[in-house]
Amino acid sequence: MSEGQPLTLSTFGRSIVGSVDQRMARRLRTTASVCLAAIALTISMLGHEANGQVYPAFDTGWYDDTGFHQATNYNHLAGWCAESCDPATEYRNFFVFDLSSVVDPVMGAALHVRRFGTELDVDGETYTLFDALTPIPALVAGGSGLTGVFADLGTGDGFGERNVGNVADIGGGLAVTVPLNSSGVSAINAAAGGNFALGGAVTTLAYDLNDESLFAGSRDICGGPCADLILNMCSDTAASTCLDADRAKLKYDERKQNGERMKLLWKKISTDTTQGDFGDPVSGDTAVSVCIYDDSDILVQNFFVVRAGPNCGYNYVTPCWRARGSEGYSFKENSPSSDGITKIMYRAGDPGKGRVSVQGRNHPLESTPLLPTGVAPALSGNLSPTIQIVTSDGLCVGATMNYVQKDDGARYTARKR
């Protein structure tokens, strides 16, 4: 296999070459002169910052600390195996993506991986992404004694990290989403037009007699793509090209541990919108990202929902997206598995009629809290935070708050009015 040559893995259950079509056309229903102005405005507003795309990995795998990797093993185990391994062994993983169709600048990215089995410290572990400098043909070919490759996957430039709670997920319904930092985004831009690889390692290992691992069983259970690289969703700084909502609300309540709640609302979208602008999460593969920025337009928190298709509910056996006639979509998942998001509603319409809402929560009876915490304290003192919702098919809606209603360190509520 030569670098840049896409693969089709029967293990993943489908060919994964190609990218999501872009849907950016808009209805323009005024006079000819207004049409020309509206077209120019639309091009200016949409630009290239919000052209999100989902790229499934075409190869994955692990290397152990002896430098062994079998090319036909797509399991992406990472961590420490002590209880069932003799001798105890550390594993690091990798993911390879075909970015040959990427031509526009990438502004933000995240790795989205289904979790599978986990054996972690009671407080969770940190999973970190690294640059993979090993040439991709050598990386995927594997072999034995390749300790330099093992070292490469867990050292060098860090591209992003995420704390992962200790919860088993043998069915693969839950996911780990790791936003890439500016170094990772720069590396993606440098690799655009070819293939791109990421290394991954659990970087808080105790190296004792207990297992500390992620993604166990991913070879046998994976019935579809197990890892996606999501491009141009939340970037490090707020996008300047989003459609503007004239009214909006940001509410984050963290007073009750494991009972945290979030509500976001964008109303009266100033530009004409259609159902197709959102994409198609029902029969397509549209992903959604929600981004919260501080007064300086620096990212405070992002949330990803990569649950498209007819079987996107928990363990991928029930639908969670539905079309709302011909004007929008709704998402509902009572046991949230995507960053704690339970509801999304998108309604298109004429200027001033479109709206989007997002809700998320943690619940004390659930096995693991997924809605991120620490957001309300991070927003405390901010007077004009920005919220944006971005889809992988090009829609971006945003609003900057201008009135703070509540800010006590545990609750933060602000509006645009």
Protein backbone atom coordinates (compact mmCIF):
# COMPACT_ATOMS: atom_id res chain seq x y z
CA MET A 1 0.00 0.00 0.00
CA SER A 2 1.37 3.41 -0.89
CA GLU A 3 0.84 6.54 1.16
CA GLY A 4 -2.27 8.36 -0.01
CA GLN A 5 -3.97 5.15 -1.20
CA PRO A 6 -7.33 4.74 0.60
CA LEU A 7 -8.24 1.34 2.03
CA THR A 8 -11.60 -0.38 2.40
CA LEU A 9 -11.83 -2.45 5.58
CA SER A 10 -14.42 -5.20 5.78
CA THR A 11 -14.05 -4.97 9.54
CA PHE A 12 -15.62 -1.54 9.41
CA GLY A 13 -18.55 -2.82 7.41
CA ARG A 14 -18.47 -0.32 4.57
CA SER A 15 -16.21 1.61 2.26
CA ILE A 16 -15.16 4.83 3.88
CA VAL A 17 -13.58 6.64 0.95
CA GLY A 18 -15.07 10.02 0.21
CA SER A 19 -16.40 12.95 2.13
CA VAL A 20 -19.65 14.57 3.08
CA ASP A 21 -21.26 16.59 0.32
CA GLN A 22 -21.53 20.29 1.04
CA ARG A 23 -25.03 21.79 1.13
CA MET A 24 -24.70 25.55 1.13
CA ALA A 25 -27.31 26.76 -1.40
CA ARG A 26 -29.85 29.27 -0.15
CA ARG A 27 -33.27 30.41 -1.32
CA LEU A 28 -33.23 33.96 -2.61
CA ARG A 29 -36.71 35.31 -3.25
CA THR A 30 -36.39 39.03 -3.76
CA THR A 31 -35.74 41.33 -6.70
CA ALA A 32 -32.69 40.92 -8.92
CA SER A 33 -30.66 43.67 -7.25
CA VAL A 34 -31.41 42.33 -3.76
CA CYS A 35 -30.57 38.82 -4.97
CA LEU A 36 -27.10 39.91 -6.00
CA ALA A 37 -26.49 41.53 -2.63
CA ALA A 38 -27.87 38.51 -0.80
CA ILE A 39 -25.65 36.15 -2.76
CA ALA A 40 -22.60 38.23 -1.90
CA LEU A 41 -23.63 38.29 1.75
CA THR A 42 -24.18 34.55 1.83
CA ILE A 43 -20.77 33.83 0.33
CA SER A 44 -19.16 36.21 2.80
CA MET A 45 -20.95 34.74 5.80
CA LEU A 46 -20.47 31.07 5.02
CA GLY A 47 -16.93 31.29 3.67
CA HIS A 48 -14.75 28.29 4.50
CA GLU A 49 -14.79 28.31 8.31
CA ALA A 50 -17.98 26.29 8.72
CA ASN A 51 -17.58 23.71 5.94
CA GLY A 52 -17.49 20.80 8.38
CA GLN A 53 -16.75 17.27 7.21
CA VAL A 54 -16.51 13.85 8.81
CA TYR A 55 -13.62 11.60 7.73
CA PRO A 56 -13.76 8.00 9.00
CA ALA A 57 -10.41 6.36 9.74
CA PHE A 58 -9.31 3.92 7.04
CA ASP A 59 -6.78 2.21 9.31
CA THR A 60 -6.38 1.89 13.07
CA GLY A 61 -4.32 -0.27 15.38
CA TRP A 62 -2.05 -0.53 18.42
CA TYR A 63 1.62 -1.01 19.14
CA ASP A 64 2.73 -2.59 22.40
CA ASP A 65 5.84 -1.56 24.30
CA THR A 66 7.89 -4.29 22.59
CA GLY A 67 7.19 -2.57 19.27
CA PHE A 68 4.77 -5.20 17.93
CA HIS A 69 1.81 -4.50 15.65
CA GLN A 70 -0.06 -6.91 13.39
CA ALA A 71 -1.23 -5.16 10.23
CA THR A 72 -4.53 -7.08 10.09
CA ASN A 73 -5.48 -6.14 13.66
CA TYR A 74 -7.55 -2.96 13.68
CA ASN A 75 -8.13 -2.97 17.45
CA HIS A 76 -7.13 0.46 18.81
CA LEU A 77 -6.48 -0.46 22.43
CA ALA A 78 -4.58 2.10 24.51
CA GLY A 79 -3.33 1.89 28.09
CA TRP A 80 -1.84 -0.59 30.56
CA CYS A 81 -2.59 -4.32 30.73
CA ALA A 82 -1.42 -5.97 33.97
CA GLU A 83 -4.14 -8.31 35.24
CA SER A 84 -4.37 -10.46 32.10
CA CYS A 85 -0.95 -9.78 30.56
CA ASP A 86 2.28 -11.52 31.50
CA PRO A 87 4.44 -9.54 31.45
CA ALA A 88 2.48 -6.34 32.00
CA THR A 89 2.30 -4.37 28.76
CA GLU A 90 1.56 -0.82 27.65
CA TYR A 91 -0.36 -0.19 24.43
CA ARG A 92 -0.56 2.95 22.32
CA ASN A 93 -2.85 3.40 19.33
CA PHE A 94 -3.01 5.17 15.99
CA PHE A 95 -5.59 6.38 13.48
CA VAL A 96 -5.03 7.11 9.78
CA PHE A 97 -7.31 9.29 7.65
CA ASP A 98 -7.57 10.01 3.93
CA LEU A 99 -7.63 13.82 3.55
CA SER A 100 -7.12 13.85 -0.21
CA SER A 101 -10.37 15.78 -0.70
CA VAL A 102 -9.54 18.52 1.82
CA VAL A 103 -8.85 21.74 -0.08
CA ASP A 104 -10.24 24.51 2.16
CA PRO A 105 -8.35 25.68 5.27
CA VAL A 106 -9.23 23.71 8.39
CA MET A 107 -10.17 25.96 11.31
CA GLY A 108 -10.97 23.32 13.96
CA ALA A 109 -10.98 19.54 14.35
CA ALA A 110 -11.73 16.71 16.77
CA LEU A 111 -11.18 12.96 16.95
CA HIS A 112 -14.36 11.04 17.75
CA VAL A 113 -13.88 7.42 18.88
CA ARG A 114 -16.39 4.92 20.23
CA ARG A 115 -15.29 3.82 23.69
CA PHE A 116 -15.85 0.04 24.05
CA GLY A 117 -14.33 -1.57 27.16
CA THR A 118 -12.61 0.63 29.73
CA GLU A 119 -10.56 -0.20 32.81
CA LEU A 120 -9.43 3.09 34.31
CA ASP A 121 -8.60 4.71 37.63
CA VAL A 122 -11.61 5.63 39.74
CA ASP A 123 -11.06 9.29 38.87
CA GLY A 124 -10.66 8.50 35.18
CA GLU A 125 -7.57 8.89 33.03
CA THR A 126 -6.23 11.36 30.51
CA TYR A 127 -6.14 10.23 26.88
CA THR A 128 -3.75 12.35 24.81
CA LEU A 129 -3.26 12.66 21.05
CA PHE A 130 0.23 13.09 19.59
CA ASP A 131 1.81 13.76 16.23
CA ALA A 132 2.69 10.50 14.46
CA LEU A 133 5.97 11.09 12.64
CA THR A 134 6.46 7.48 11.53
CA PRO A 135 5.85 7.28 7.75
CA ILE A 136 2.30 6.02 7.26
CA PRO A 137 3.21 2.96 5.11
CA ALA A 138 5.55 1.77 7.88
CA LEU A 139 3.04 2.64 10.60
CA VAL A 140 0.24 0.51 9.16
CA ALA A 141 2.54 -2.32 8.00
CA GLY A 142 3.59 -3.15 11.56
CA GLY A 143 6.06 -5.83 12.57
CA SER A 144 8.04 -6.60 15.73
CA GLY A 145 10.76 -4.83 17.64
CA LEU A 146 9.55 -1.42 16.41
CA THR A 147 10.00 0.31 19.76
CA GLY A 148 10.67 3.61 18.02
CA VAL A 149 7.16 3.54 16.55
CA PHE A 150 5.68 2.79 19.98
CA ALA A 151 7.58 5.75 21.44
CA ASP A 152 6.46 7.98 18.57
CA LEU A 153 2.77 7.36 19.30
CA GLY A 154 3.02 8.73 22.84
CA THR A 155 5.62 11.48 22.63
CA GLY A 156 6.34 14.62 20.65
CA ASP A 157 3.86 17.41 20.01
CA GLY A 158 0.60 16.97 21.90
CA PHE A 159 -2.41 17.55 19.67
CA GLY A 160 -5.12 17.48 22.36
CA GLU A 161 -6.29 15.57 25.40
CA ARG A 162 -9.42 14.56 27.27
CA ASN A 163 -10.19 13.08 30.67
CA VAL A 164 -12.16 9.86 30.29
CA GLY A 165 -14.36 8.54 33.09
CA ASN A 166 -14.33 4.92 34.20
CA VAL A 167 -17.35 3.30 32.57
CA ALA A 168 -17.53 0.14 30.48
CA ASP A 169 -19.21 0.37 27.09
CA ILE A 170 -18.98 -3.04 25.47
CA GLY A 171 -21.68 -2.12 22.94
CA GLY A 172 -19.74 0.88 21.71
CA GLY A 173 -22.57 3.40 22.10
CA LEU A 174 -20.60 5.89 24.16
CA ALA A 175 -17.77 7.87 22.66
CA VAL A 176 -14.61 9.81 23.43
CA THR A 177 -14.27 13.10 21.56
CA VAL A 178 -10.90 14.83 21.73
CA PRO A 179 -10.71 18.37 20.30
CA LEU A 180 -7.42 19.05 18.52
CA ASN A 181 -5.44 22.10 19.58
CA SER A 182 -3.90 24.65 17.23
CA SER A 183 -0.82 22.45 16.68
CA GLY A 184 -3.04 19.56 15.62
CA VAL A 185 -5.06 21.77 13.28
CA SER A 186 -1.86 23.09 11.72
CA ALA A 187 -0.68 19.52 11.14
CA ILE A 188 -3.97 18.67 9.42
CA ASN A 189 -3.60 21.66 7.11
CA ALA A 190 -0.06 20.57 6.29
CA ALA A 191 -1.33 17.05 5.45
CA ALA A 192 -4.34 18.21 3.39
CA GLY A 193 -4.45 16.48 0.03
CA GLY A 194 -2.88 13.28 1.39
CA ASN A 195 -3.10 11.00 4.40
CA PHE A 196 -2.88 12.03 8.05
CA ALA A 197 -2.06 9.97 11.15
CA LEU A 198 -2.58 10.51 14.87
CA GLY A 199 -0.96 8.68 17.78
CA GLY A 200 -2.71 8.19 21.10
CA ALA A 201 -1.76 7.19 24.63
CA VAL A 202 -3.18 7.12 28.14
CA THR A 203 -0.83 9.58 29.83
CA THR A 204 -1.82 9.15 33.50
CA LEU A 205 -0.85 5.49 33.94
CA ALA A 206 0.24 4.27 37.37
CA TYR A 207 2.04 1.24 35.90
CA ASP A 208 0.92 -0.94 38.82
CA LEU A 209 -0.91 -4.29 39.09
CA ASN A 210 -4.23 -2.88 37.86
CA ASP A 211 -5.46 -2.52 34.27
CA GLU A 212 -5.86 1.02 32.93
CA SER A 213 -7.09 0.90 29.35
CA LEU A 214 -9.41 2.30 26.72
CA PHE A 215 -11.05 0.83 23.60
CA ALA A 216 -10.71 -2.84 24.59
CA GLY A 217 -12.62 -5.14 22.24
CA SER A 218 -12.77 -2.64 19.41
CA ARG A 219 -11.61 -5.22 16.83
CA ASP A 220 -14.39 -7.73 17.47
CA ILE A 221 -17.29 -5.38 18.13
CA CYS A 222 -16.81 -2.65 15.56
CA GLY A 223 -19.68 -2.96 13.07
CA GLY A 224 -18.99 0.36 11.37
CA PRO A 225 -16.41 3.13 11.44
CA CYS A 226 -15.08 3.31 15.00
CA ALA A 227 -13.18 6.57 14.65
CA ASP A 228 -13.90 9.81 12.81
CA LEU A 229 -11.86 12.95 12.25
CA ILE A 230 -14.30 15.84 12.31
CA LEU A 231 -13.05 18.98 10.57
CA ASN A 232 -14.14 22.60 10.84
CA MET A 233 -16.47 22.25 13.79
CA CYS A 234 -15.52 24.24 16.92
CA SER A 235 -12.30 26.15 16.37
CA ASP A 236 -10.05 27.61 19.08
CA THR A 237 -11.60 31.04 18.49
CA ALA A 238 -15.15 31.97 17.56
CA ALA A 239 -15.92 31.83 13.85
CA SER A 240 -16.76 35.17 12.28
CA THR A 241 -18.88 33.73 9.48
CA CYS A 242 -21.89 32.31 11.34
CA LEU A 243 -25.47 33.30 10.66
CA ASP A 244 -26.55 35.68 13.42
CA ALA A 245 -29.46 35.10 15.80
CA ASP A 246 -31.15 38.29 17.02
CA ARG A 247 -32.20 36.64 20.30
CA ALA A 248 -30.30 34.02 22.27
CA LYS A 249 -29.82 32.45 25.71
CA LEU A 250 -26.97 30.64 27.47
CA LYS A 251 -27.75 28.85 30.74
CA TYR A 252 -25.34 26.55 32.60
CA ASP A 253 -26.28 25.26 36.07
CA GLU A 254 -23.75 23.27 38.10
CA ARG A 255 -25.21 23.64 41.60
CA LYS A 256 -26.03 19.92 41.90
CA GLN A 257 -23.19 17.42 41.43
CA ASN A 258 -24.10 14.87 38.74
CA GLY A 259 -27.22 16.93 38.12
CA GLU A 260 -25.65 19.66 35.99
CA ARG A 261 -27.82 21.15 33.23
CA MET A 262 -27.32 23.27 30.12
CA LYS A 263 -29.79 25.13 27.89
CA LEU A 264 -28.86 27.08 24.77
CA LEU A 265 -31.19 28.95 22.45
CA TRP A 266 -30.81 30.86 19.18
CA LYS A 267 -33.98 32.68 18.00
CA LYS A 268 -34.84 34.92 15.08
CA ILE A 269 -32.00 33.88 12.79
CA SER A 270 -31.47 36.95 10.64
CA THR A 271 -30.97 35.07 7.36
CA ASP A 272 -33.30 32.81 5.39
CA THR A 273 -32.63 29.14 6.24
CA THR A 274 -33.78 25.78 4.85
CA GLN A 275 -33.91 22.24 6.17
CA GLY A 276 -31.11 21.31 3.77
CA ASP A 277 -28.80 23.94 5.27
CA PHE A 278 -28.54 21.78 8.41
CA GLY A 279 -27.61 18.64 6.46
CA ASP A 280 -29.28 15.27 6.92
CA PRO A 281 -28.76 13.49 10.25
CA VAL A 282 -31.68 11.10 9.61
CA SER A 283 -30.51 9.20 6.52
CA GLY A 284 -27.14 10.92 6.12
CA ASP A 285 -24.19 11.38 8.48
CA THR A 286 -24.45 15.00 9.63
CA ALA A 287 -22.56 15.70 12.86
CA VAL A 288 -23.23 18.63 15.19
CA SER A 289 -20.95 20.66 17.41
CA VAL A 290 -21.86 23.25 20.02
CA CYS A 291 -19.24 25.84 20.99
CA ILE A 292 -19.12 28.22 23.97
CA TYR A 293 -16.60 31.10 23.86
CA ASP A 294 -15.61 33.71 26.43
CA ASP A 295 -15.49 37.50 26.03
CA SER A 296 -12.21 37.19 24.13
CA ASP A 297 -13.73 34.67 21.69
CA ILE A 298 -11.55 31.90 23.18
CA LEU A 299 -13.15 28.44 23.32
CA VAL A 300 -14.38 27.54 26.82
CA GLN A 301 -16.16 24.27 25.98
CA ASN A 302 -17.31 22.29 22.97
CA PHE A 303 -19.86 19.50 22.65
CA PHE A 304 -20.11 16.95 19.84
CA VAL A 305 -23.09 14.91 18.65
CA VAL A 306 -21.99 12.30 16.11
CA ARG A 307 -25.12 10.15 16.19
CA ALA A 308 -26.54 10.36 12.65
CA GLY A 309 -28.37 7.62 10.79
CA PRO A 310 -31.37 5.38 11.53
CA ASN A 311 -29.57 3.43 14.29
CA CYS A 312 -27.92 6.15 16.32
CA GLY A 313 -29.40 5.69 19.78
CA TYR A 314 -27.63 3.94 22.64
CA ASN A 315 -25.68 0.92 21.35
CA TYR A 316 -26.72 2.02 17.83
CA VAL A 317 -30.06 0.21 17.81
CA THR A 318 -32.63 3.05 17.89
CA PRO A 319 -33.05 6.33 16.00
CA CYS A 320 -32.45 9.59 17.82
CA TRP A 321 -32.88 12.07 14.93
CA ARG A 322 -36.23 12.81 13.27
CA ALA A 323 -37.27 15.14 10.47
CA ARG A 324 -39.72 17.89 11.45
CA GLY A 325 -41.72 17.86 8.23
CA SER A 326 -39.78 19.83 5.64
CA GLU A 327 -38.60 22.61 7.94
CA GLY A 328 -36.05 21.07 10.29
CA TYR A 329 -34.83 18.23 12.53
CA SER A 330 -35.03 17.19 16.15
CA PHE A 331 -32.67 15.06 18.26
CA LYS A 332 -33.62 13.27 21.49
CA GLU A 333 -31.63 10.84 23.59
CA ASN A 334 -32.88 10.20 27.13
CA SER A 335 -29.63 8.45 28.14
CA PRO A 336 -27.16 10.83 26.54
CA SER A 337 -23.97 9.44 25.05
CA SER A 338 -22.62 12.52 23.24
CA ASP A 339 -21.21 14.99 25.77
CA GLY A 340 -24.43 14.90 27.76
CA ILE A 341 -26.60 16.38 24.97
CA THR A 342 -30.20 15.20 25.30
CA LYS A 343 -32.11 17.42 22.85
CA ILE A 344 -31.48 19.46 19.72
CA MET A 345 -34.16 21.25 17.73
CA TYR A 346 -33.57 23.05 14.43
CA ARG A 347 -36.36 24.91 12.64
CA ALA A 348 -35.67 26.69 9.37
CA GLY A 349 -37.60 29.62 8.01
CA ASP A 350 -37.66 33.08 6.50
CA PRO A 351 -35.42 35.78 7.98
CA GLY A 352 -36.35 36.20 11.65
CA LYS A 353 -38.21 32.87 11.79
CA GLY A 354 -35.46 30.26 12.13
CA ARG A 355 -34.38 28.95 15.54
CA VAL A 356 -32.16 26.33 17.18
CA SER A 357 -32.14 24.98 20.73
CA VAL A 358 -29.86 22.56 22.59
CA GLN A 359 -30.26 20.92 25.99
CA GLY A 360 -27.92 18.73 28.00
CA ARG A 361 -27.75 17.26 31.49
CA ASN A 362 -26.14 14.85 33.89
CA HIS A 363 -28.22 12.55 36.08
CA PRO A 364 -27.17 11.00 39.42
CA LEU A 365 -28.63 7.61 38.44
CA GLU A 366 -26.55 7.31 35.28
CA SER A 367 -23.28 5.40 35.39
CA THR A 368 -21.14 8.31 34.24
CA PRO A 369 -21.61 12.09 33.92
CA LEU A 370 -21.02 13.14 30.32
CA LEU A 371 -22.04 16.80 30.33
CA PRO A 372 -18.77 18.67 30.93
CA THR A 373 -18.41 20.45 34.27
CA GLY A 374 -16.47 23.56 35.19
CA VAL A 375 -18.15 25.59 32.45
CA ALA A 376 -20.13 27.91 34.77
CA PRO A 377 -17.01 28.80 36.80
CA ALA A 378 -15.05 29.34 33.57
CA LEU A 379 -17.71 31.78 32.34
CA SER A 380 -17.92 33.65 35.62
CA GLY A 381 -17.03 37.31 35.14
CA ASN A 382 -17.69 37.26 31.39
CA LEU A 383 -20.09 39.90 30.08
CA SER A 384 -20.42 38.93 26.42
CA PRO A 385 -19.80 35.21 25.79
CA THR A 386 -20.62 33.74 22.39
CA ILE A 387 -22.45 30.51 21.58
CA GLN A 388 -22.32 28.81 18.20
CA ILE A 389 -23.78 25.63 16.72
CA VAL A 390 -22.02 24.13 13.71
CA THR A 391 -22.97 21.17 11.53
CA SER A 392 -20.67 19.08 9.37
CA ASP A 393 -22.68 20.14 6.32
CA GLY A 394 -21.86 23.82 6.58
CA LEU A 395 -24.44 25.48 8.82
CA CYS A 396 -23.16 27.78 11.56
CA VAL A 397 -25.48 29.84 13.76
CA GLY A 398 -24.11 32.12 16.46
CA ALA A 399 -24.95 34.83 18.95
CA THR A 400 -23.02 37.02 21.41
CA MET A 401 -24.73 37.70 24.73
CA ASN A 402 -25.21 41.29 25.92
CA TYR A 403 -26.95 40.83 29.29
CA VAL A 404 -25.89 38.62 32.22
CA GLN A 405 -28.76 37.49 34.43
CA LYS A 406 -27.01 35.15 36.87
CA ASP A 407 -23.34 34.66 37.70
CA ASP A 408 -22.51 33.11 41.07
CA GLY A 409 -19.77 30.65 40.12
CA ALA A 410 -22.13 27.67 40.03
CA ARG A 411 -24.76 29.17 37.73
CA TYR A 412 -24.27 31.31 34.67
CA THR A 413 -27.16 32.71 32.64
CA ALA A 414 -26.84 35.31 29.91
CA ARG A 415 -29.01 36.52 27.06
CA LYS A 416 -28.85 38.42 23.83
CA ARG A 417 -31.85 40.70 23.76
